């Protein structure tokens, strides 16, 4: 069990490091191409930080809403009335497919 958790954290760490590296690389390339590059807003436009926070908020709303709709549709289709019943039914449905045989 600890080996699995360790490998999951390793994969997550590599993913985060790759994401940060790609972001830094893209900023560096933008500054190299245009030395006057800055993250200041253009006159008459919204600041980049405000635009990014709005995009994050809308993305989060769509992701949570979409997953909630999927769970509700699957729950309705399976005929469950509570989260515990949904978990039990899902576990019973998926357990035989992913059960390890020694």
N, C-alpha and C. Protein backbone atom coordinates (compact mmCIF):
# COMPACT_ATOMS: atom_id res chain seq x y z
N UNK A 1 0.82 -1.19 0.00
CA UNK A 1 0.00 0.00 0.00
C UNK A 1 0.87 1.26 0.00
N UNK A 2 1.99 1.26 0.79
CA UNK A 2 2.86 2.42 0.82
C UNK A 2 3.59 2.60 -0.50
N UNK A 3 3.89 1.51 -1.17
CA UNK A 3 4.55 1.59 -2.46
C UNK A 3 3.67 2.27 -3.50
N UNK A 4 2.37 1.97 -3.46
CA UNK A 4 1.43 2.59 -4.39
C UNK A 4 1.33 4.08 -4.12
N UNK A 5 1.21 4.45 -2.83
CA UNK A 5 1.09 5.86 -2.49
C UNK A 5 2.35 6.60 -2.88
N UNK A 6 3.50 5.99 -2.67
CA UNK A 6 4.76 6.62 -3.03
C UNK A 6 4.86 6.85 -4.53
N UNK A 7 4.43 5.87 -5.31
CA UNK A 7 4.50 6.03 -6.77
C UNK A 7 3.49 7.07 -7.25
N UNK A 8 2.32 7.14 -6.61
CA UNK A 8 1.33 8.17 -6.97
C UNK A 8 1.89 9.55 -6.70
N UNK A 9 2.54 9.74 -5.55
CA UNK A 9 3.11 11.04 -5.22
C UNK A 9 4.26 11.37 -6.17
N UNK A 10 5.01 10.38 -6.60
CA UNK A 10 6.09 10.62 -7.55
C UNK A 10 5.54 11.09 -8.88
N UNK A 11 4.50 10.45 -9.36
CA UNK A 11 3.89 10.83 -10.64
C UNK A 11 3.29 12.23 -10.54
N UNK A 12 2.62 12.52 -9.43
CA UNK A 12 2.05 13.85 -9.23
C UNK A 12 3.15 14.90 -9.17
N UNK A 13 4.24 14.59 -8.47
CA UNK A 13 5.36 15.53 -8.38
C UNK A 13 5.98 15.82 -9.73
N UNK A 14 6.16 14.78 -10.54
CA UNK A 14 6.72 14.98 -11.89
C UNK A 14 5.76 15.82 -12.73
N UNK A 15 4.48 15.57 -12.60
CA UNK A 15 3.49 16.36 -13.36
C UNK A 15 3.52 17.82 -12.98
N UNK A 16 3.59 18.10 -11.68
CA UNK A 16 3.62 19.49 -11.22
C UNK A 16 4.92 20.17 -11.66
N UNK A 17 6.05 19.46 -11.53
CA UNK A 17 7.33 20.03 -11.96
C UNK A 17 7.32 20.31 -13.46
N UNK A 18 6.74 19.43 -14.25
CA UNK A 18 6.67 19.64 -15.70
C UNK A 18 5.80 20.85 -16.03
N UNK A 19 4.69 20.98 -15.33
CA UNK A 19 3.80 22.10 -15.58
C UNK A 19 4.48 23.43 -15.25
N UNK A 20 5.15 23.49 -14.10
CA UNK A 20 5.85 24.71 -13.71
C UNK A 20 7.00 25.01 -14.67
N UNK A 21 7.72 23.98 -15.09
CA UNK A 21 8.81 24.18 -16.03
C UNK A 21 8.32 24.70 -17.37
N UNK A 22 7.22 24.16 -17.87
CA UNK A 22 6.67 24.62 -19.14
C UNK A 22 6.20 26.06 -19.04
N UNK A 23 5.60 26.41 -17.91
CA UNK A 23 5.15 27.80 -17.71
C UNK A 23 6.34 28.75 -17.68
N UNK A 24 7.39 28.38 -16.95
CA UNK A 24 8.59 29.22 -16.89
C UNK A 24 9.25 29.34 -18.26
N UNK A 25 9.30 28.24 -18.99
CA UNK A 25 9.90 28.25 -20.33
C UNK A 25 9.11 29.17 -21.26
N UNK A 26 7.80 29.10 -21.21
CA UNK A 26 7.00 29.95 -22.09
C UNK A 26 7.16 31.43 -21.73
N UNK A 27 7.26 31.75 -20.44
CA UNK A 27 7.50 33.14 -20.06
C UNK A 27 8.88 33.60 -20.52
N UNK A 28 9.87 32.74 -20.36
CA UNK A 28 11.22 33.08 -20.79
C UNK A 28 11.30 33.31 -22.29
N UNK A 29 10.64 32.46 -23.07
CA UNK A 29 10.64 32.63 -24.52
C UNK A 29 9.92 33.91 -24.94
N UNK A 30 8.83 34.23 -24.25
CA UNK A 30 8.10 35.46 -24.56
C UNK A 30 8.96 36.68 -24.27
N UNK A 31 9.69 36.65 -23.16
CA UNK A 31 10.56 37.79 -22.82
C UNK A 31 11.76 37.88 -23.76
N UNK A 32 12.25 36.74 -24.23
CA UNK A 32 13.39 36.76 -25.15
C UNK A 32 12.97 37.35 -26.50
N UNK A 33 11.77 37.02 -26.96
CA UNK A 33 11.29 37.54 -28.24
C UNK A 33 10.94 39.01 -28.16
N UNK A 34 10.41 39.43 -27.01
CA UNK A 34 10.00 40.83 -26.84
C UNK A 34 10.54 41.31 -25.49
N UNK A 35 11.66 42.02 -25.48
CA UNK A 35 12.26 42.45 -24.20
C UNK A 35 11.34 43.36 -23.38
N UNK A 36 10.39 44.02 -24.02
CA UNK A 36 9.46 44.90 -23.30
C UNK A 36 8.24 44.14 -22.78
N UNK A 37 8.29 42.80 -22.85
CA UNK A 37 7.16 41.98 -22.42
C UNK A 37 6.89 42.18 -20.93
N UNK A 38 5.65 42.36 -20.60
CA UNK A 38 5.26 42.43 -19.19
C UNK A 38 3.84 41.92 -19.06
N UNK A 39 3.46 41.63 -17.86
CA UNK A 39 2.11 41.15 -17.61
C UNK A 39 1.18 42.29 -17.21
N UNK A 40 1.52 43.49 -17.64
CA UNK A 40 0.68 44.66 -17.34
C UNK A 40 -0.49 44.68 -18.31
N UNK A 41 -1.64 45.16 -17.84
CA UNK A 41 -2.79 45.20 -18.74
C UNK A 41 -2.60 46.25 -19.84
N UNK A 42 -3.18 45.97 -20.98
CA UNK A 42 -3.19 46.93 -22.06
C UNK A 42 -4.19 48.02 -21.72
N UNK A 43 -3.97 49.23 -22.20
CA UNK A 43 -4.94 50.30 -21.91
C UNK A 43 -6.33 49.92 -22.39
N UNK A 44 -7.29 50.04 -21.53
CA UNK A 44 -8.68 49.72 -21.86
C UNK A 44 -9.03 48.25 -21.75
N UNK A 45 -8.09 47.42 -21.27
CA UNK A 45 -8.35 45.98 -21.13
C UNK A 45 -8.25 45.56 -19.68
N UNK A 46 -8.71 44.38 -19.43
CA UNK A 46 -8.70 43.81 -18.09
C UNK A 46 -7.29 43.32 -17.73
N UNK A 47 -6.93 43.36 -16.45
CA UNK A 47 -5.60 42.90 -16.04
C UNK A 47 -5.50 41.39 -16.25
N UNK A 48 -4.30 40.89 -16.55
CA UNK A 48 -4.13 39.45 -16.77
C UNK A 48 -4.50 38.61 -15.54
N UNK A 49 -4.21 39.11 -14.35
CA UNK A 49 -4.54 38.35 -13.14
C UNK A 49 -6.05 38.22 -12.98
N UNK A 50 -6.77 39.29 -13.25
CA UNK A 50 -8.23 39.23 -13.15
C UNK A 50 -8.81 38.31 -14.22
N UNK A 51 -8.28 38.38 -15.40
CA UNK A 51 -8.74 37.51 -16.48
C UNK A 51 -8.47 36.04 -16.14
N UNK A 52 -7.28 35.74 -15.59
CA UNK A 52 -6.94 34.37 -15.22
C UNK A 52 -7.83 33.87 -14.09
N UNK A 53 -8.12 34.73 -13.11
CA UNK A 53 -8.98 34.28 -11.99
C UNK A 53 -10.41 34.04 -12.47
N UNK A 54 -10.88 34.85 -13.42
CA UNK A 54 -12.22 34.61 -13.97
C UNK A 54 -12.25 33.30 -14.74
N UNK A 55 -11.19 33.03 -15.52
CA UNK A 55 -11.13 31.77 -16.28
C UNK A 55 -11.08 30.57 -15.34
N UNK A 56 -10.32 30.69 -14.25
CA UNK A 56 -10.25 29.61 -13.26
C UNK A 56 -11.61 29.38 -12.61
N UNK A 57 -12.30 30.47 -12.27
CA UNK A 57 -13.62 30.34 -11.64
C UNK A 57 -14.61 29.66 -12.58
N UNK A 58 -14.65 30.09 -13.84
CA UNK A 58 -15.58 29.47 -14.79
C UNK A 58 -15.20 28.01 -15.07
N UNK A 59 -13.92 27.73 -15.20
CA UNK A 59 -13.48 26.35 -15.41
C UNK A 59 -13.85 25.44 -14.26
N UNK A 60 -13.65 25.95 -13.04
CA UNK A 60 -14.02 25.17 -11.85
C UNK A 60 -15.52 24.92 -11.81
N UNK A 61 -16.30 25.97 -12.11
CA UNK A 61 -17.75 25.82 -12.12
C UNK A 61 -18.20 24.77 -13.13
N UNK A 62 -17.64 24.82 -14.34
CA UNK A 62 -18.02 23.85 -15.36
C UNK A 62 -17.57 22.43 -15.00
N UNK A 63 -16.38 22.29 -14.42
CA UNK A 63 -15.89 20.96 -14.06
C UNK A 63 -16.74 20.34 -12.95
N UNK A 64 -16.99 21.11 -11.89
CA UNK A 64 -17.79 20.58 -10.77
C UNK A 64 -19.22 20.33 -11.22
N UNK A 65 -19.78 21.25 -11.99
CA UNK A 65 -21.15 21.07 -12.48
C UNK A 65 -21.27 19.87 -13.40
N UNK A 66 -20.30 19.69 -14.29
CA UNK A 66 -20.34 18.56 -15.22
C UNK A 66 -20.24 17.22 -14.51
N UNK A 67 -19.32 17.12 -13.55
CA UNK A 67 -19.17 15.87 -12.81
C UNK A 67 -20.42 15.61 -11.96
N UNK A 68 -20.98 16.66 -11.38
CA UNK A 68 -22.21 16.49 -10.60
C UNK A 68 -23.35 15.98 -11.47
N UNK A 69 -23.48 16.54 -12.66
CA UNK A 69 -24.53 16.07 -13.57
C UNK A 69 -24.32 14.62 -13.97
N UNK A 70 -23.08 14.25 -14.25
CA UNK A 70 -22.80 12.86 -14.61
C UNK A 70 -23.17 11.92 -13.47
N UNK A 71 -22.76 12.29 -12.23
CA UNK A 71 -23.08 11.44 -11.08
C UNK A 71 -24.59 11.35 -10.88
N UNK A 72 -25.30 12.46 -11.00
CA UNK A 72 -26.75 12.43 -10.83
C UNK A 72 -27.44 11.59 -11.91
N UNK A 73 -26.98 11.71 -13.15
CA UNK A 73 -27.59 10.93 -14.24
C UNK A 73 -27.33 9.44 -14.04
N UNK A 74 -26.09 9.09 -13.68
CA UNK A 74 -25.77 7.67 -13.44
C UNK A 74 -26.55 7.16 -12.24
N UNK A 75 -26.64 7.96 -11.18
CA UNK A 75 -27.40 7.55 -10.00
C UNK A 75 -28.87 7.36 -10.31
N UNK A 76 -29.44 8.25 -11.09
CA UNK A 76 -30.84 8.13 -11.47
C UNK A 76 -31.07 6.89 -12.32
N UNK A 77 -30.13 6.65 -13.25
CA UNK A 77 -30.23 5.49 -14.14
C UNK A 77 -30.14 4.18 -13.35
N UNK A 78 -29.27 4.17 -12.32
CA UNK A 78 -29.11 2.96 -11.51
C UNK A 78 -30.20 2.81 -10.45
N UNK A 79 -30.98 3.85 -10.23
CA UNK A 79 -32.08 3.77 -9.28
C UNK A 79 -31.64 3.87 -7.82
N UNK A 80 -30.62 4.67 -7.52
CA UNK A 80 -30.17 4.83 -6.14
C UNK A 80 -30.75 6.11 -5.56
N UNK A 81 -30.84 6.14 -4.21
CA UNK A 81 -31.44 7.31 -3.57
C UNK A 81 -30.52 8.00 -2.58
N UNK A 82 -29.31 7.48 -2.36
CA UNK A 82 -28.37 8.13 -1.44
C UNK A 82 -26.94 7.89 -1.93
N UNK A 83 -26.01 8.69 -1.38
CA UNK A 83 -24.62 8.55 -1.78
C UNK A 83 -24.03 7.23 -1.32
N UNK A 84 -24.41 6.78 -0.13
CA UNK A 84 -23.89 5.50 0.36
C UNK A 84 -24.39 4.35 -0.51
N UNK A 85 -25.64 4.41 -0.93
CA UNK A 85 -26.18 3.38 -1.81
C UNK A 85 -25.49 3.43 -3.19
N UNK A 86 -25.20 4.65 -3.66
CA UNK A 86 -24.48 4.81 -4.93
C UNK A 86 -23.08 4.21 -4.84
N UNK A 87 -22.37 4.47 -3.73
CA UNK A 87 -21.04 3.91 -3.53
C UNK A 87 -21.06 2.40 -3.46
N UNK A 88 -22.04 1.86 -2.74
CA UNK A 88 -22.15 0.40 -2.61
C UNK A 88 -22.45 -0.25 -3.96
N UNK A 89 -23.37 0.33 -4.70
CA UNK A 89 -23.74 -0.23 -5.99
C UNK A 89 -22.57 -0.15 -6.98
N UNK A 90 -21.84 0.97 -6.96
CA UNK A 90 -20.68 1.13 -7.83
C UNK A 90 -19.59 0.14 -7.46
N UNK A 91 -19.34 -0.02 -6.16
CA UNK A 91 -18.33 -0.98 -5.70
C UNK A 91 -18.69 -2.39 -6.12
N UNK A 92 -19.94 -2.78 -5.97
CA UNK A 92 -20.38 -4.12 -6.36
C UNK A 92 -20.29 -4.32 -7.87
N UNK A 93 -20.51 -3.25 -8.62
CA UNK A 93 -20.47 -3.34 -10.07
C UNK A 93 -19.03 -3.43 -10.59
N UNK A 94 -18.12 -2.66 -9.99
CA UNK A 94 -16.75 -2.58 -10.50
C UNK A 94 -15.79 -3.55 -9.84
N UNK A 95 -16.10 -4.04 -8.66
CA UNK A 95 -15.17 -4.91 -7.93
C UNK A 95 -14.79 -6.17 -8.70
N UNK A 96 -15.72 -6.89 -9.31
CA UNK A 96 -15.31 -8.10 -10.03
C UNK A 96 -14.39 -7.81 -11.22
N UNK A 97 -14.50 -6.64 -11.82
CA UNK A 97 -13.69 -6.31 -12.99
C UNK A 97 -12.25 -5.99 -12.60
N UNK A 98 -12.05 -5.44 -11.41
CA UNK A 98 -10.72 -5.02 -11.01
C UNK A 98 -10.13 -5.87 -9.87
N UNK A 99 -10.77 -6.97 -9.58
CA UNK A 99 -10.29 -7.83 -8.49
C UNK A 99 -9.02 -8.54 -8.94
N UNK A 100 -8.03 -8.53 -8.06
CA UNK A 100 -6.76 -9.20 -8.36
C UNK A 100 -6.85 -10.68 -8.01
N UNK A 101 -6.33 -11.48 -8.90
CA UNK A 101 -6.27 -12.92 -8.63
C UNK A 101 -4.84 -13.28 -8.33
N UNK A 102 -4.59 -13.91 -7.17
CA UNK A 102 -3.20 -14.24 -6.80
C UNK A 102 -2.61 -15.35 -7.63
